[in-house]
Amino acid sequence: MRIDRDSGCVIVRQRPGTAKGFLFLSMEDESGITNVIVSPDLFEQERMVVTRARFLLVEGPLQN
């Protein structure tokens, strides 16, 4: 498993009621679109940042 960092402009935030508290983000930068899954624990810890920030830097496992 590779740990990677990505930054970009948040273009979509989704937190469906059926997702058990997970938040799904789509971010865009010059290389394309990245999909990010935010766990419920991290969401509660960083609620203001993930719900309000236009640009984010994320770090975590990369999956292709």
PDB file of N, CA and C in Angstrom:
ATOM      1  N   MET A   1       0.845  -1.175   0.000  1.00  0.00           N
ATOM      2  CA  MET A   1       0.000   0.000   0.000  1.00  0.00           C
ATOM      3  C   MET A   1       0.886   1.232   0.000  1.00  0.00           C
ATOM      4  N   ARG A   2       0.550   2.165  -0.837  1.00  0.00           N
ATOM      5  CA  ARG A   2       1.333   3.398  -0.961  1.00  0.00           C
ATOM      6  C   ARG A   2       0.581   4.555  -0.301  1.00  0.00           C
ATOM      7  N   ILE A   3       1.296   5.325   0.508  1.00  0.00           N
ATOM      8  CA  ILE A   3       0.722   6.527   1.103  1.00  0.00           C
ATOM      9  C   ILE A   3       1.037   7.684   0.171  1.00  0.00           C
ATOM     10  N   ASP A   4       0.031   8.473  -0.127  1.00  0.00           N
ATOM     11  CA  ASP A   4       0.197   9.553  -1.092  1.00  0.00           C
ATOM     12  C   ASP A   4      -0.438  10.819  -0.541  1.00  0.00           C
ATOM     13  N   ARG A   5      -0.032  11.947  -1.102  1.00  0.00           N
ATOM     14  CA  ARG A   5      -0.627  13.245  -0.787  1.00  0.00           C
ATOM     15  C   ARG A   5      -1.207  13.820  -2.057  1.00  0.00           C
ATOM     16  N   ASP A   6      -2.317  14.498  -1.922  1.00  0.00           N
ATOM     17  CA  ASP A   6      -2.911  15.180  -3.062  1.00  0.00           C
ATOM     18  C   ASP A   6      -3.578  16.450  -2.553  1.00  0.00           C
ATOM     19  N   SER A   7      -3.563  17.453  -3.379  1.00  0.00           N
ATOM     20  CA  SER A   7      -4.248  18.691  -3.033  1.00  0.00           C
ATOM     21  C   SER A   7      -5.069  19.117  -4.235  1.00  0.00           C
ATOM     22  N   GLY A   8      -6.103  19.881  -3.963  1.00  0.00           N
ATOM     23  CA  GLY A   8      -6.924  20.356  -5.058  1.00  0.00           C
ATOM     24  C   GLY A   8      -8.137  21.104  -4.582  1.00  0.00           C
ATOM     25  N   CYS A   9      -8.922  21.520  -5.552  1.00  0.00           N
ATOM     26  CA  CYS A   9     -10.160  22.246  -5.314  1.00  0.00           C
ATOM     27  C   CYS A   9     -11.284  21.231  -5.104  1.00  0.00           C
ATOM     28  N   VAL A  10     -12.025  21.382  -4.028  1.00  0.00           N
ATOM     29  CA  VAL A  10     -13.153  20.487  -3.768  1.00  0.00           C
ATOM     30  C   VAL A  10     -14.280  20.866  -4.713  1.00  0.00           C
ATOM     31  N   ILE A  11     -14.716  19.898  -5.532  1.00  0.00           N
ATOM     32  CA  ILE A  11     -15.794  20.184  -6.474  1.00  0.00           C
ATOM     33  C   ILE A  11     -17.111  19.542  -6.056  1.00  0.00           C
ATOM     34  N   VAL A  12     -17.054  18.466  -5.247  1.00  0.00           N
ATOM     35  CA  VAL A  12     -18.280  17.803  -4.780  1.00  0.00           C
ATOM     36  C   VAL A  12     -18.046  17.258  -3.381  1.00  0.00           C
ATOM     37  N   ARG A  13     -19.036  17.439  -2.504  1.00  0.00           N
ATOM     38  CA  ARG A  13     -19.055  16.816  -1.178  1.00  0.00           C
ATOM     39  C   ARG A  13     -20.354  16.033  -1.078  1.00  0.00           C
ATOM     40  N   GLN A  14     -20.265  14.765  -0.669  1.00  0.00           N
ATOM     41  CA  GLN A  14     -21.461  13.953  -0.505  1.00  0.00           C
ATOM     42  C   GLN A  14     -21.377  13.216   0.816  1.00  0.00           C
ATOM     43  N   ARG A  15     -22.470  13.242   1.551  1.00  0.00           N
ATOM     44  CA  ARG A  15     -22.550  12.495   2.809  1.00  0.00           C
ATOM     45  C   ARG A  15     -23.927  11.833   2.866  1.00  0.00           C
ATOM     46  N   PRO A  16     -24.097  10.756   2.069  1.00  0.00           N
ATOM     47  CA  PRO A  16     -25.409  10.108   2.015  1.00  0.00           C
ATOM     48  C   PRO A  16     -25.778   9.456   3.338  1.00  0.00           C
ATOM     49  N   GLY A  17     -27.061   9.447   3.635  1.00  0.00           N
ATOM     50  CA  GLY A  17     -27.537   8.836   4.875  1.00  0.00           C
ATOM     51  C   GLY A  17     -27.254   7.349   4.946  1.00  0.00           C
ATOM     52  N   THR A  18     -27.094   6.694   3.808  1.00  0.00           N
ATOM     53  CA  THR A  18     -26.838   5.253   3.781  1.00  0.00           C
ATOM     54  C   THR A  18     -25.360   4.906   3.892  1.00  0.00           C
ATOM     55  N   ALA A  19     -24.490   5.902   4.031  1.00  0.00           N
ATOM     56  CA  ALA A  19     -23.038   5.668   4.038  1.00  0.00           C
ATOM     57  C   ALA A  19     -22.454   5.519   5.437  1.00  0.00           C
ATOM     58  N   LYS A  20     -23.288   5.409   6.452  1.00  0.00           N
ATOM     59  CA  LYS A  20     -22.829   5.183   7.832  1.00  0.00           C
ATOM     60  C   LYS A  20     -21.857   6.243   8.321  1.00  0.00           C
ATOM     61  N   GLY A  21     -22.054   7.500   7.902  1.00  0.00           N
ATOM     62  CA  GLY A  21     -21.239   8.602   8.390  1.00  0.00           C
ATOM     63  C   GLY A  21     -20.027   8.944   7.551  1.00  0.00           C
ATOM     64  N   PHE A  22     -19.750   8.175   6.501  1.00  0.00           N
ATOM     65  CA  PHE A  22     -18.609   8.477   5.641  1.00  0.00           C
ATOM     66  C   PHE A  22     -18.933   9.668   4.753  1.00  0.00           C
ATOM     67  N   LEU A  23     -17.908  10.465   4.455  1.00  0.00           N
ATOM     68  CA  LEU A  23     -18.031  11.616   3.563  1.00  0.00           C
ATOM     69  C   LEU A  23     -17.214  11.320   2.318  1.00  0.00           C
ATOM     70  N   PHE A  24     -17.773  11.633   1.155  1.00  0.00           N
ATOM     71  CA  PHE A  24     -17.094  11.423  -0.118  1.00  0.00           C
ATOM     72  C   PHE A  24     -16.813  12.780  -0.741  1.00  0.00           C
ATOM     73  N   LEU A  25     -15.559  12.997  -1.098  1.00  0.00           N
ATOM     74  CA  LEU A  25     -15.137  14.254  -1.727  1.00  0.00           C
ATOM     75  C   LEU A  25     -14.599  13.960  -3.115  1.00  0.00           C
ATOM     76  N   SER A  26     -14.868  14.855  -4.045  1.00  0.00           N
ATOM     77  CA  SER A  26     -14.192  14.847  -5.344  1.00  0.00           C
ATOM     78  C   SER A  26     -13.394  16.136  -5.407  1.00  0.00           C
ATOM     79  N   MET A  27     -12.107  15.986  -5.712  1.00  0.00           N
ATOM     80  CA  MET A  27     -11.211  17.136  -5.791  1.00  0.00           C
ATOM     81  C   MET A  27     -10.585  17.173  -7.178  1.00  0.00           C
ATOM     82  N   GLU A  28     -10.346  18.392  -7.667  1.00  0.00           N
ATOM     83  CA  GLU A  28      -9.766  18.547  -8.994  1.00  0.00           C
ATOM     84  C   GLU A  28      -8.496  19.386  -8.919  1.00  0.00           C
ATOM     85  N   ASP A  29      -7.493  18.957  -9.676  1.00  0.00           N
ATOM     86  CA  ASP A  29      -6.281  19.752  -9.852  1.00  0.00           C
ATOM     87  C   ASP A  29      -5.857  19.630 -11.309  1.00  0.00           C
ATOM     88  N   GLU A  30      -4.646  20.079 -11.624  1.00  0.00           N
ATOM     89  CA  GLU A  30      -4.215  20.082 -13.022  1.00  0.00           C
ATOM     90  C   GLU A  30      -4.057  18.686 -13.608  1.00  0.00           C
ATOM     91  N   SER A  31      -3.964  17.657 -12.767  1.00  0.00           N
ATOM     92  CA  SER A  31      -3.790  16.293 -13.277  1.00  0.00           C
ATOM     93  C   SER A  31      -5.102  15.540 -13.416  1.00  0.00           C
ATOM     94  N   GLY A  32      -6.203  16.100 -12.898  1.00  0.00           N
ATOM     95  CA  GLY A  32      -7.500  15.430 -13.023  1.00  0.00           C
ATOM     96  C   GLY A  32      -8.294  15.460 -11.740  1.00  0.00           C
ATOM     97  N   ILE A  33      -9.171  14.478 -11.594  1.00  0.00           N
ATOM     98  CA  ILE A  33     -10.073  14.398 -10.443  1.00  0.00           C
ATOM     99  C   ILE A  33      -9.632  13.270  -9.524  1.00  0.00           C
ATOM    100  N   THR A  34      -9.663  13.541  -8.226  1.00  0.00           N
ATOM    101  CA  THR A  34      -9.342  12.565  -7.191  1.00  0.00           C
ATOM    102  C   THR A  34     -10.564  12.378  -6.315  1.00  0.00           C
ATOM    103  N   ASN A  35     -10.894  11.127  -6.003  1.00  0.00           N
ATOM    104  CA  ASN A  35     -11.989  10.831  -5.087  1.00  0.00           C
ATOM    105  C   ASN A  35     -11.408  10.488  -3.724  1.00  0.00           C
ATOM    106  N   VAL A  36     -11.976  11.063  -2.676  1.00  0.00           N
ATOM    107  CA  VAL A  36     -11.469  10.903  -1.318  1.00  0.00           C
ATOM    108  C   VAL A  36     -12.602  10.391  -0.440  1.00  0.00           C
ATOM    109  N   ILE A  37     -12.292   9.418   0.411  1.00  0.00           N
ATOM    110  CA  ILE A  37     -13.255   8.908   1.388  1.00  0.00           C
ATOM    111  C   ILE A  37     -12.774   9.346   2.768  1.00  0.00           C
ATOM    112  N   VAL A  38     -13.643  10.051   3.501  1.00  0.00           N
ATOM    113  CA  VAL A  38     -13.319  10.546   4.842  1.00  0.00           C
ATOM    114  C   VAL A  38     -14.102   9.717   5.852  1.00  0.00           C
ATOM    115  N   SER A  39     -13.394   9.098   6.796  1.00  0.00           N
ATOM    116  CA  SER A  39     -14.043   8.255   7.806  1.00  0.00           C
ATOM    117  C   SER A  39     -14.878   9.112   8.756  1.00  0.00           C
ATOM    118  N   PRO A  40     -15.872   8.500   9.405  1.00  0.00           N
ATOM    119  CA  PRO A  40     -16.707   9.254  10.349  1.00  0.00           C
ATOM    120  C   PRO A  40     -15.905   9.897  11.481  1.00  0.00           C
ATOM    121  N   ASP A  41     -14.885   9.204  11.995  1.00  0.00           N
ATOM    122  CA  ASP A  41     -14.068   9.760  13.079  1.00  0.00           C
ATOM    123  C   ASP A  41     -13.310  11.007  12.625  1.00  0.00           C
ATOM    124  N   LEU A  42     -12.683  10.931  11.452  1.00  0.00           N
ATOM    125  CA  LEU A  42     -11.949  12.075  10.930  1.00  0.00           C
ATOM    126  C   LEU A  42     -12.906  13.209  10.585  1.00  0.00           C
ATOM    127  N   PHE A  43     -14.081  12.874  10.074  1.00  0.00           N
ATOM    128  CA  PHE A  43     -15.073  13.896   9.759  1.00  0.00           C
ATOM    129  C   PHE A  43     -15.437  14.694  11.012  1.00  0.00           C
ATOM    130  N   GLU A  44     -15.714  14.003  12.107  1.00  0.00           N
ATOM    131  CA  GLU A  44     -16.070  14.693  13.353  1.00  0.00           C
ATOM    132  C   GLU A  44     -14.917  15.533  13.871  1.00  0.00           C
ATOM    133  N   GLN A  45     -13.704  15.036  13.727  1.00  0.00           N
ATOM    134  CA  GLN A  45     -12.511  15.742  14.214  1.00  0.00           C
ATOM    135  C   GLN A  45     -12.232  17.001  13.388  1.00  0.00           C
ATOM    136  N   GLU A  46     -12.469  16.950  12.079  1.00  0.00           N
ATOM    137  CA  GLU A  46     -12.129  18.048  11.171  1.00  0.00           C
ATOM    138  C   GLU A  46     -13.353  18.596  10.438  1.00  0.00           C
ATOM    139  N   ARG A  47     -14.502  18.564  11.082  1.00  0.00           N
ATOM    140  CA  ARG A  47     -15.775  18.932  10.453  1.00  0.00           C
ATOM    141  C   ARG A  47     -15.739  20.281   9.738  1.00  0.00           C
ATOM    142  N   MET A  48     -15.241  21.315  10.387  1.00  0.00           N
ATOM    143  CA  MET A  48     -15.234  22.651   9.782  1.00  0.00           C
ATOM    144  C   MET A  48     -14.364  22.713   8.532  1.00  0.00           C
ATOM    145  N   VAL A  49     -13.241  22.036   8.560  1.00  0.00           N
ATOM    146  CA  VAL A  49     -12.332  22.066   7.412  1.00  0.00           C
ATOM    147  C   VAL A  49     -12.946  21.331   6.228  1.00  0.00           C
ATOM    148  N   VAL A  50     -13.409  20.091   6.431  1.00  0.00           N
ATOM    149  CA  VAL A  50     -13.895  19.304   5.295  1.00  0.00           C
ATOM    150  C   VAL A  50     -15.234  19.786   4.753  1.00  0.00           C
ATOM    151  N   THR A  51     -15.987  20.534   5.531  1.00  0.00           N
ATOM    152  CA  THR A  51     -17.269  21.029   5.025  1.00  0.00           C
ATOM    153  C   THR A  51     -17.199  22.442   4.460  1.00  0.00           C
ATOM    154  N   ARG A  52     -16.152  23.194   4.764  1.00  0.00           N
ATOM    155  CA  ARG A  52     -16.108  24.596   4.348  1.00  0.00           C
ATOM    156  C   ARG A  52     -14.960  24.971   3.427  1.00  0.00           C
ATOM    157  N   ALA A  53     -13.825  24.285   3.535  1.00  0.00           N
ATOM    158  CA  ALA A  53     -12.640  24.683   2.768  1.00  0.00           C
ATOM    159  C   ALA A  53     -12.834  24.448   1.270  1.00  0.00           C
ATOM    160  N   ARG A  54     -12.371  25.402   0.460  1.00  0.00           N
ATOM    161  CA  ARG A  54     -12.440  25.245  -0.995  1.00  0.00           C
ATOM    162  C   ARG A  54     -11.314  24.364  -1.516  1.00  0.00           C
ATOM    163  N   PHE A  55     -10.157  24.429  -0.858  1.00  0.00           N
ATOM    164  CA  PHE A  55      -8.994  23.652  -1.261  1.00  0.00           C
ATOM    165  C   PHE A  55      -8.538  22.813  -0.078  1.00  0.00           C
ATOM    166  N   LEU A  56      -8.138  21.570  -0.344  1.00  0.00           N
ATOM    167  CA  LEU A  56      -7.685  20.668   0.710  1.00  0.00           C
ATOM    168  C   LEU A  56      -6.397  19.975   0.292  1.00  0.00           C
ATOM    169  N   LEU A  57      -5.623  19.599   1.288  1.00  0.00           N
ATOM    170  CA  LEU A  57      -4.478  18.720   1.118  1.00  0.00           C
ATOM    171  C   LEU A  57      -4.818  17.456   1.887  1.00  0.00           C
ATOM    172  N   VAL A  58      -4.854  16.320   1.215  1.00  0.00           N
ATOM    173  CA  VAL A  58      -5.201  15.060   1.872  1.00  0.00           C
ATOM    174  C   VAL A  58      -4.030  14.100   1.787  1.00  0.00           C
ATOM    175  N   GLU A  59      -3.951  13.225   2.777  1.00  0.00           N
ATOM    176  CA  GLU A  59      -2.892  12.218   2.828  1.00  0.00           C
ATOM    177  C   GLU A  59      -3.517  10.909   3.234  1.00  0.00           C
ATOM    178  N   GLY A  60      -3.119   9.838   2.571  1.00  0.00           N
ATOM    179  CA  GLY A  60      -3.639   8.534   2.924  1.00  0.00           C
ATOM    180  C   GLY A  60      -3.275   7.490   1.890  1.00  0.00           C
ATOM    181  N   PRO A  61      -3.788   6.271   2.076  1.00  0.00           N
ATOM    182  CA  PRO A  61      -3.492   5.196   1.140  1.00  0.00           C
ATOM    183  C   PRO A  61      -4.039   5.497  -0.253  1.00  0.00           C
ATOM    184  N   LEU A  62      -3.246   5.194  -1.252  1.00  0.00           N
ATOM    185  CA  LEU A  62      -3.645   5.402  -2.637  1.00  0.00           C
ATOM    186  C   LEU A  62      -4.146   4.088  -3.200  1.00  0.00           C
ATOM    187  N   GLN A  63      -5.300   4.137  -3.833  1.00  0.00           N
ATOM    188  CA  GLN A  63      -5.864   2.942  -4.451  1.00  0.00           C
ATOM    189  C   GLN A  63      -6.211   3.270  -5.902  1.00  0.00           C
ATOM    190  N   ASN A  64      -5.769   2.427  -6.809  1.00  0.00           N
ATOM    191  CA  ASN A  64      -6.084   2.586  -8.232  1.00  0.00           C
ATOM    192  C   ASN A  64      -7.132   1.589  -8.648  1.00  0.00           C
TER     193      ASN A  64
END
